[in-house]
Amino acid sequence: MNMMVSRRALMGGMALGGAAALLPRAALAWKADGAALYPATNAFIKGFVDRRELAGTLAAIGKGQEAPLFLGAGVQSNDSATPVGPDTLWRLYSMTKPVTGIAAMLLIEDGKMKLDQPIADFLPAFANMKVQNTPDGSITDVRPAKGPITVRQLLTHTAGLGYNIIQKGPIKKAYDDAGIVGGQASRLPIPGLAPVTPAPSLAVMADRLAALPLVYEPGTKWSYSISLDLLGRLIEVVSGQPFDAFLKARLFDPLGMTSTGFMVNAKDVGRFTSNYAPFGGALIPFDPATSSIYLDPPPYPFGGGGLVSSARDYDRFLAMLLGEGATGGVRVMKPETARVAMSNLIADSVDRKGTFIDGQGFGAGGRVSLPTSPGGEGIFGWAGAAGTIGFVHRKLGYRAAGYTQIMPPDSVPFQNKFGETFFKDVMA
């Protein structure tokens, strides 16, 4: 199969803001007034399917704590007649990061760790880190780090860690060789992505990561990184539970997120999407639902990009955020903890020029809008490498998410333009 998926295909989080002719392509609204209330969003998601640019699209929108509205178009896979719906399963990729961030905030609320506590208190291998003298340069030309990595820095991509989908040169090769990865894409070898054997566990991944130099001094620069995956290991150690078990016990079960996890069970394959890459004007399935890599247990639970979920489930997570820790009569965290999680946790001194958050802030695993940001103050959320995006707007009292499956996500403007299209409807 001659197709190319570049390294940027796995980045995700950049935006907050050839199908069979006989397959169903009509837009679907699961509540009669959905399309009428959000006409721009409805036309937007439908257009990609009508133009055969995407197999299926879905929007989930909620106001305050009201029940969500779902708008959908197209099918789960181009070789299937099953339309997308509220319970269709999507690869979230980096939309996993805010979930991991909120999980860490629960342990801070419990008093088991502190926001500015060095992670070496729990993971001693990170006690004496070295830093590359030239970012992405030699991994032997290094100096001692000026300060420790803290929990806050893991939450906000300011720990100085690298990412094998971002870095270049020797440090990228070292990450690949050590199996330090933040997700998986396909069983098939993908041109443009080096074949990597992931570390066998979060514990091993963390130990191998500690042995490599940092790319930047901790606390000085925002750099998209493996930090939320390392945070998964920290959560394991601090809580005394496997990371995935902690998520299930403290977030997924209380919120009724029964369709969210790090793999797809055999009984759920019928509602799982296929993931596509554009090639020659057609959509090539490089991770088909029926033979997906997500049908097997992952080597370790990827806290930065491993979750699969439904729009209905993720809306419950967003509703909890909008409810400052509570939704549906269930409280999972204190209001003050939720407010801190969704606030800007990075100092003005942190360099973020030219990054995904240039001119904006960052909280517990998600971007935070500032008064000067597009859309105004009060937005918290993130996006994923296969085209998904989810956020809350606390000032306006809305939660919204858009779903599709394509890599790289910027091959079509679905993720990039979803937020501004939704805000057109809200402001109208």
Protein backbone atom coordinates (compact mmCIF):
# COMPACT_ATOMS: atom_id res chain seq x y z
CA MET A 1 0.00 0.00 0.00
CA ASN A 2 1.63 3.21 -1.12
CA MET A 3 0.56 5.83 1.37
CA MET A 4 2.35 8.29 3.59
CA VAL A 5 1.50 9.32 7.13
CA SER A 6 4.04 11.86 8.37
CA ARG A 7 5.29 12.26 11.94
CA ARG A 8 2.80 15.09 12.43
CA ALA A 9 0.05 12.48 12.03
CA LEU A 10 0.47 11.52 15.67
CA MET A 11 0.86 15.00 17.15
CA GLY A 12 -2.74 15.99 17.80
CA GLY A 13 -3.78 18.96 19.87
CA MET A 14 -2.92 21.59 17.27
CA ALA A 15 -6.39 23.06 17.01
CA LEU A 16 -8.94 24.40 19.50
CA GLY A 17 -10.73 26.33 17.68
CA GLY A 18 -13.01 7.95 -2.04
CA ALA A 19 -16.11 6.41 -0.57
CA ALA A 20 -18.65 4.00 -1.92
CA ALA A 21 -21.43 6.03 -3.51
CA LEU A 22 -24.26 3.94 -2.10
CA LEU A 23 -23.41 4.39 1.58
CA PRO A 24 -25.73 6.59 3.68
CA ARG A 25 -24.54 10.18 3.69
CA ALA A 26 -27.43 12.11 5.21
CA ALA A 27 -26.84 14.27 8.28
CA LEU A 28 -28.41 12.82 11.41
CA ALA A 29 -29.67 14.69 14.47
CA TRP A 30 -30.53 12.63 17.55
CA LYS A 31 -32.66 15.44 18.95
CA ALA A 32 -35.07 17.16 16.63
CA ASP A 33 -33.90 20.70 17.36
CA GLY A 34 -30.16 19.96 17.04
CA ALA A 35 -29.72 20.95 13.43
CA ALA A 36 -31.96 23.99 13.92
CA LEU A 37 -30.10 25.18 17.03
CA TYR A 38 -26.64 24.69 15.50
CA PRO A 39 -27.10 25.15 11.74
CA ALA A 40 -23.51 26.22 10.99
CA THR A 41 -22.08 23.24 12.87
CA ASN A 42 -24.57 20.87 11.22
CA ALA A 43 -23.70 22.13 7.73
CA PHE A 44 -19.99 22.03 8.59
CA ILE A 45 -19.86 18.37 9.66
CA LYS A 46 -22.18 17.28 6.86
CA GLY A 47 -20.10 19.03 4.20
CA PHE A 48 -17.01 16.87 4.76
CA VAL A 49 -19.08 13.72 4.24
CA ASP A 50 -20.97 15.10 1.23
CA ARG A 51 -17.63 15.99 -0.41
CA ARG A 52 -16.30 12.46 0.37
CA GLU A 53 -13.45 14.00 2.39
CA LEU A 54 -14.34 12.05 5.53
CA ALA A 55 -16.21 8.79 6.09
CA GLY A 56 -18.12 10.00 9.14
CA THR A 57 -18.35 13.06 11.38
CA LEU A 58 -20.11 13.82 14.64
CA ALA A 59 -20.63 16.80 16.92
CA ALA A 60 -21.70 16.61 20.57
CA ILE A 61 -22.88 19.87 22.11
CA GLY A 62 -24.19 20.58 25.59
CA LYS A 63 -25.32 23.77 27.34
CA GLY A 64 -24.67 23.89 31.06
CA GLN A 65 -25.72 20.55 32.51
CA GLU A 66 -28.46 19.93 29.93
CA ALA A 67 -28.48 16.66 27.99
CA PRO A 68 -26.18 16.80 24.97
CA LEU A 69 -27.29 17.19 21.37
CA PHE A 70 -25.61 14.96 18.79
CA LEU A 71 -25.26 15.86 15.11
CA GLY A 72 -23.79 13.27 12.80
CA ALA A 73 -23.12 12.51 9.14
CA GLY A 74 -21.78 9.50 7.28
CA VAL A 75 -20.68 6.08 8.41
CA GLN A 76 -18.25 4.42 10.81
CA SER A 77 -16.26 2.91 7.94
CA ASN A 78 -16.48 3.27 4.19
CA ASP A 79 -16.96 -0.49 3.83
CA SER A 80 -19.87 -0.48 6.30
CA ALA A 81 -23.39 0.93 6.15
CA THR A 82 -23.44 1.63 9.92
CA PRO A 83 -24.04 5.35 10.49
CA VAL A 84 -22.08 7.20 13.17
CA GLY A 85 -23.95 7.85 16.39
CA PRO A 86 -23.57 8.92 20.03
CA ASP A 87 -22.15 5.51 20.96
CA THR A 88 -19.76 5.10 18.02
CA LEU A 89 -16.21 4.50 19.28
CA TRP A 90 -13.41 6.89 18.26
CA ARG A 91 -9.65 6.94 18.82
CA LEU A 92 -9.17 9.98 21.06
CA TYR A 93 -5.37 10.13 20.88
CA SER A 94 -4.32 13.36 22.63
CA MET A 95 -7.82 14.09 23.94
CA THR A 96 -6.63 11.52 26.50
CA LYS A 97 -4.28 14.14 27.98
CA PRO A 98 -6.91 16.20 29.87
CA VAL A 99 -8.29 12.95 31.35
CA THR A 100 -4.83 12.05 32.68
CA GLY A 101 -4.34 15.61 33.89
CA ILE A 102 -7.62 15.54 35.83
CA ALA A 103 -6.66 12.15 37.33
CA ALA A 104 -3.45 13.67 38.66
CA MET A 105 -5.42 16.56 40.13
CA LEU A 106 -7.49 14.03 42.10
CA LEU A 107 -4.31 12.82 43.83
CA ILE A 108 -3.37 16.42 44.60
CA GLU A 109 -6.85 16.87 46.08
CA ASP A 110 -6.33 13.69 48.12
CA GLY A 111 -3.15 15.24 49.58
CA LYS A 112 -1.00 12.44 48.19
CA MET A 113 1.16 14.79 46.12
CA LYS A 114 1.51 18.53 45.55
CA LEU A 115 1.40 20.61 42.39
CA ASP A 116 4.97 21.87 42.78
CA GLN A 117 6.41 18.70 44.30
CA PRO A 118 9.45 17.16 42.56
CA ILE A 119 8.46 13.92 40.85
CA ALA A 120 11.72 12.39 42.10
CA ASP A 121 10.03 12.12 45.52
CA PHE A 122 8.06 9.25 43.95
CA LEU A 123 10.22 8.32 40.95
CA PRO A 124 13.82 8.54 42.28
CA ALA A 125 15.35 7.83 38.87
CA PHE A 126 14.45 11.42 37.89
CA ALA A 127 16.47 12.97 40.75
CA ASN A 128 19.54 14.11 38.82
CA MET A 129 18.49 14.86 35.26
CA LYS A 130 20.79 16.10 32.53
CA VAL A 131 19.86 18.57 29.77
CA GLN A 132 21.05 18.68 26.18
CA ASN A 133 23.35 21.65 25.59
CA THR A 134 21.85 21.84 22.11
CA PRO A 135 18.17 20.86 21.89
CA ASP A 136 17.84 17.86 19.52
CA GLY A 137 21.64 17.80 19.27
CA SER A 138 24.12 15.44 20.89
CA ILE A 139 22.81 13.27 23.74
CA THR A 140 26.27 13.12 25.32
CA ASP A 141 26.95 16.88 25.26
CA VAL A 142 24.84 17.57 28.34
CA ARG A 143 24.78 19.58 31.59
CA PRO A 144 23.06 19.04 34.95
CA ALA A 145 19.50 20.39 35.07
CA LYS A 146 19.18 23.59 37.13
CA GLY A 147 16.07 22.40 38.93
CA PRO A 148 13.87 19.32 39.47
CA ILE A 149 10.93 18.22 37.33
CA THR A 150 7.68 18.95 39.17
CA VAL A 151 4.14 17.61 38.92
CA ARG A 152 3.03 20.98 37.49
CA GLN A 153 5.59 20.66 34.72
CA LEU A 154 4.38 17.19 33.74
CA LEU A 155 0.81 18.50 33.59
CA THR A 156 1.77 21.43 31.35
CA HIS A 157 4.49 20.13 28.95
CA THR A 158 7.10 22.30 30.64
CA ALA A 159 9.26 19.52 32.15
CA GLY A 160 11.79 19.69 29.30
CA LEU A 161 10.94 16.17 28.10
CA GLY A 162 10.89 15.22 24.42
CA TYR A 163 8.43 13.36 22.17
CA ASN A 164 9.39 10.92 19.43
CA ILE A 165 6.79 12.57 17.15
CA ILE A 166 8.33 16.02 17.72
CA GLN A 167 12.07 15.65 18.30
CA LYS A 168 14.71 15.04 15.64
CA GLY A 169 18.19 13.60 15.53
CA PRO A 170 19.85 11.53 18.28
CA ILE A 171 17.23 12.16 20.98
CA LYS A 172 14.41 10.98 18.71
CA LYS A 173 16.40 7.85 17.88
CA ALA A 174 17.07 7.25 21.57
CA TYR A 175 13.34 7.52 22.35
CA ASP A 176 12.51 5.13 19.50
CA ASP A 177 15.19 2.65 20.54
CA ALA A 178 13.91 2.71 24.12
CA GLY A 179 10.28 2.27 23.05
CA ILE A 180 9.26 5.58 24.62
CA VAL A 181 6.08 6.22 22.65
CA GLY A 182 2.79 7.96 23.38
CA GLY A 183 0.41 5.87 21.31
CA GLN A 184 -0.07 3.39 18.50
CA ALA A 185 -1.53 3.76 15.03
CA SER A 186 -1.73 0.48 13.13
CA ARG A 187 -0.58 -3.11 12.88
CA LEU A 188 0.74 -2.20 9.44
CA PRO A 189 4.14 -0.56 8.91
CA ILE A 190 3.48 3.07 8.00
CA PRO A 191 5.87 4.93 5.68
CA GLY A 192 7.17 8.01 7.43
CA LEU A 193 6.94 6.47 10.90
CA ALA A 194 9.89 4.42 12.15
CA PRO A 195 9.02 0.92 13.39
CA VAL A 196 9.21 1.08 17.17
CA THR A 197 8.70 -1.65 19.77
CA PRO A 198 7.04 0.07 22.76
CA ALA A 199 8.41 -0.50 26.24
CA PRO A 200 6.62 -3.42 27.95
CA SER A 201 5.19 -1.37 30.84
CA LEU A 202 4.81 2.13 32.22
CA ALA A 203 7.45 1.32 34.85
CA VAL A 204 10.01 0.29 32.23
CA MET A 205 9.14 3.25 30.00
CA ALA A 206 9.67 5.67 32.90
CA ASP A 207 13.01 4.13 33.88
CA ARG A 208 14.28 4.28 30.31
CA LEU A 209 13.10 7.88 30.00
CA ALA A 210 14.93 8.88 33.19
CA ALA A 211 18.19 7.59 31.69
CA LEU A 212 17.98 10.01 28.75
CA PRO A 213 18.71 13.75 28.80
CA LEU A 214 16.03 16.40 28.82
CA VAL A 215 15.68 18.57 25.72
CA TYR A 216 15.11 21.79 27.71
CA GLU A 217 15.60 23.07 31.24
CA PRO A 218 12.55 22.22 33.37
CA GLY A 219 10.09 25.09 33.70
CA THR A 220 11.50 27.25 30.90
CA LYS A 221 9.76 26.24 27.66
CA TRP A 222 6.43 24.77 26.54
CA SER A 223 7.28 21.78 24.39
CA TYR A 224 4.76 19.08 23.42
CA SER A 225 6.05 15.94 25.07
CA ILE A 226 5.73 12.48 26.60
CA SER A 227 5.03 14.11 29.97
CA LEU A 228 1.37 13.00 30.27
CA ASP A 229 2.46 9.40 29.68
CA LEU A 230 5.06 9.74 32.41
CA LEU A 231 2.30 11.24 34.56
CA GLY A 232 0.44 7.94 34.13
CA ARG A 233 3.36 6.18 35.81
CA LEU A 234 3.44 8.80 38.57
CA ILE A 235 -0.29 8.21 39.17
CA GLU A 236 0.37 4.47 39.51
CA VAL A 237 3.09 4.95 42.11
CA VAL A 238 1.30 7.61 44.14
CA SER A 239 -2.09 5.88 44.11
CA GLY A 240 -0.82 2.31 44.49
CA GLN A 241 -3.11 1.26 41.62
CA PRO A 242 -2.44 0.48 37.96
CA PHE A 243 -2.99 3.69 35.98
CA ASP A 244 -5.91 2.32 33.95
CA ALA A 245 -7.55 0.93 37.10
CA PHE A 246 -7.26 4.35 38.78
CA LEU A 247 -8.96 6.06 35.83
CA LYS A 248 -11.76 3.50 35.90
CA ALA A 249 -12.33 3.75 39.65
CA ARG A 250 -12.10 7.52 40.06
CA LEU A 251 -13.44 8.86 36.75
CA PHE A 252 -14.98 6.38 34.31
CA ASP A 253 -17.18 4.35 36.69
CA PRO A 254 -18.51 7.33 38.70
CA LEU A 255 -19.28 9.27 35.51
CA GLY A 256 -20.89 6.30 33.75
CA MET A 257 -18.23 6.28 31.01
CA THR A 258 -18.77 2.61 30.20
CA SER A 259 -17.42 2.89 26.62
CA THR A 260 -14.05 4.42 27.50
CA GLY A 261 -10.79 2.49 27.78
CA PHE A 262 -7.43 1.65 26.25
CA MET A 263 -8.68 -1.12 23.96
CA VAL A 264 -11.85 -2.16 22.12
CA ASN A 265 -13.50 -5.37 23.30
CA ALA A 266 -14.63 -7.90 20.69
CA LYS A 267 -18.30 -7.26 21.52
CA ASP A 268 -17.85 -3.56 20.65
CA VAL A 269 -16.14 -3.87 17.26
CA GLY A 270 -19.49 -3.27 15.55
CA ARG A 271 -19.52 0.33 16.78
CA PHE A 272 -15.81 1.09 16.26
CA THR A 273 -14.62 3.44 13.50
CA SER A 274 -11.88 2.85 10.94
CA ASN A 275 -8.98 5.31 10.78
CA TYR A 276 -8.03 6.77 7.41
CA ALA A 277 -5.22 8.55 5.60
CA PRO A 278 -5.84 10.59 2.44
CA PHE A 279 -4.01 9.38 -0.65
CA GLY A 280 -4.58 10.32 -4.28
CA GLY A 281 -7.99 11.81 -3.57
CA ALA A 282 -9.20 8.68 -1.74
CA LEU A 283 -9.41 7.63 1.89
CA ILE A 284 -7.13 4.68 2.63
CA PRO A 285 -7.99 2.68 5.79
CA PHE A 286 -4.67 2.14 7.57
CA ASP A 287 -6.28 0.95 10.81
CA PRO A 288 -9.56 -0.77 9.86
CA ALA A 289 -11.99 -1.31 12.72
CA THR A 290 -12.21 -5.07 12.24
CA SER A 291 -8.43 -5.63 12.42
CA SER A 292 -7.41 -2.58 14.48
CA ILE A 293 -4.39 -2.51 16.75
CA TYR A 294 -6.85 -1.31 19.41
CA LEU A 295 -8.41 -4.80 19.54
CA ASP A 296 -5.33 -5.97 21.51
CA PRO A 297 -4.29 -4.82 25.00
CA PRO A 298 -1.72 -2.01 24.62
CA PRO A 299 1.85 -2.55 25.88
CA TYR A 300 1.01 0.03 28.54
CA PRO A 301 -1.86 2.50 29.02
CA PHE A 302 -0.83 5.62 27.09
CA GLY A 303 -1.86 8.56 29.28
CA GLY A 304 -0.99 10.97 26.50
CA GLY A 305 -2.85 9.34 23.64
CA GLY A 306 -4.30 5.89 24.23
CA LEU A 307 -8.01 6.16 24.98
CA VAL A 308 -10.93 5.08 22.82
CA SER A 309 -14.30 6.59 23.74
CA SER A 310 -17.76 7.51 22.51
CA ALA A 311 -19.12 11.03 22.08
CA ARG A 312 -21.68 10.25 24.79
CA ASP A 313 -18.95 9.19 27.24
CA TYR A 314 -16.57 12.07 26.57
CA ASP A 315 -19.47 14.49 26.89
CA ARG A 316 -19.92 13.21 30.46
CA PHE A 317 -16.28 14.08 31.16
CA LEU A 318 -16.76 17.56 29.68
CA ALA A 319 -20.01 18.03 31.61
CA MET A 320 -18.13 17.20 34.82
CA LEU A 321 -15.54 19.85 33.96
CA LEU A 322 -18.24 22.41 33.19
CA GLY A 323 -19.91 21.47 36.47
CA GLU A 324 -16.62 22.11 38.27
CA GLY A 325 -16.22 18.50 39.34
CA ALA A 326 -19.81 17.29 39.28
CA THR A 327 -22.45 16.18 36.79
CA GLY A 328 -25.63 14.10 36.95
CA GLY A 329 -25.69 14.27 40.73
CA VAL A 330 -22.22 12.73 41.01
CA ARG A 331 -19.23 14.70 42.31
CA VAL A 332 -15.78 13.34 41.47
CA MET A 333 -13.69 16.33 42.55
CA LYS A 334 -14.02 19.50 44.58
CA PRO A 335 -14.97 22.71 42.73
CA GLU A 336 -11.70 24.38 43.74
CA THR A 337 -9.68 21.45 42.34
CA ALA A 338 -11.55 21.63 39.03
CA ARG A 339 -11.02 25.39 38.83
CA VAL A 340 -7.27 25.01 39.37
CA ALA A 341 -7.12 22.21 36.78
CA MET A 342 -8.73 24.43 34.13
CA SER A 343 -6.69 27.52 35.02
CA ASN A 344 -3.44 28.68 33.43
CA LEU A 345 -0.74 26.78 35.32
CA ILE A 346 2.27 28.16 33.47
CA ALA A 347 4.13 31.37 34.30
CA ASP A 348 4.46 34.27 31.86
CA SER A 349 8.20 33.53 31.75
CA VAL A 350 7.62 30.15 30.04
CA ASP A 351 8.60 30.42 26.37
CA ARG A 352 5.72 29.35 24.13
CA LYS A 353 6.52 31.26 20.93
CA GLY A 354 5.81 29.27 17.76
CA THR A 355 4.15 26.42 19.68
CA PHE A 356 0.58 25.05 19.66
CA ILE A 357 -0.23 27.41 22.57
CA ASP A 358 1.45 30.60 21.34
CA GLY A 359 -0.36 33.45 23.12
CA GLN A 360 -2.40 31.07 25.30
CA GLY A 361 -2.12 29.24 28.59
CA PHE A 362 -2.12 25.60 29.66
CA GLY A 363 -3.75 23.74 32.53
CA ALA A 364 -3.98 20.10 33.62
CA GLY A 365 -3.39 18.46 30.25
CA GLY A 366 -5.28 20.99 28.12
CA ARG A 367 -5.00 24.43 26.56
CA VAL A 368 -6.43 27.33 28.53
CA SER A 369 -7.63 30.44 26.73
CA LEU A 370 -6.66 33.89 28.03
CA PRO A 371 -8.66 37.15 27.83
CA THR A 372 -6.75 37.96 24.61
CA SER A 373 -7.33 34.52 23.03
CA PRO A 374 -9.72 33.85 20.11
CA GLY A 375 -13.07 32.95 21.66
CA GLY A 376 -12.21 34.84 24.85
CA GLU A 377 -11.39 33.61 28.33
CA GLY A 378 -12.74 30.37 29.79
CA ILE A 379 -11.92 27.66 27.20
CA PHE A 380 -10.25 24.45 28.36
CA GLY A 381 -9.63 21.41 26.18
CA TRP A 382 -7.43 19.70 23.63
CA ALA A 383 -7.55 17.81 20.35
CA GLY A 384 -6.38 14.46 18.99
CA ALA A 385 -4.15 13.12 16.23
CA ALA A 386 -7.02 11.47 14.32
CA GLY A 387 -9.07 14.66 14.00
CA THR A 388 -11.09 14.80 17.24
CA ILE A 389 -11.45 17.90 19.42
CA GLY A 390 -13.19 18.56 22.74
CA PHE A 391 -13.49 21.56 25.05
CA VAL A 392 -15.58 23.46 27.56
CA HIS A 393 -16.24 27.20 27.45
CA ARG A 394 -16.78 28.06 31.10
CA LYS A 395 -17.70 31.72 30.50
CA LEU A 396 -20.39 30.89 27.95
CA GLY A 397 -21.47 27.70 29.72
CA TYR A 398 -21.04 25.28 26.81
CA ARG A 399 -19.27 22.02 26.14
CA ALA A 400 -18.55 20.80 22.62
CA ALA A 401 -16.67 18.06 20.81
CA GLY A 402 -16.11 17.09 17.20
CA TYR A 403 -15.28 13.59 16.01
CA THR A 404 -13.83 12.06 12.86
CA GLN A 405 -10.92 9.70 12.06
CA ILE A 406 -8.20 10.90 9.70
CA MET A 407 -4.43 11.23 9.91
CA PRO A 408 -2.84 13.68 9.68
CA PRO A 409 -5.66 15.76 11.20
CA ASP A 410 -4.73 18.87 9.23
CA SER A 411 -5.28 17.11 5.89
CA VAL A 412 -8.82 18.52 6.13
CA PRO A 413 -9.93 21.59 8.16
CA PHE A 414 -12.39 19.66 10.35
CA GLN A 415 -10.46 19.87 13.61
CA ASN A 416 -9.01 23.28 12.78
CA LYS A 417 -12.33 24.98 12.05
CA PHE A 418 -14.72 23.08 14.31
CA GLY A 419 -14.39 25.46 17.27
CA GLU A 420 -14.91 28.67 15.35
CA THR A 421 -17.88 27.17 13.48
CA PHE A 422 -19.48 26.11 16.76
CA PHE A 423 -18.94 29.60 18.21
CA LYS A 424 -20.73 31.11 15.19
CA ASP A 425 -23.83 29.18 16.21
CA VAL A 426 -23.47 30.11 19.88
CA MET A 427 -23.00 33.83 19.16
CA ALA A 428 -25.90 33.80 16.69
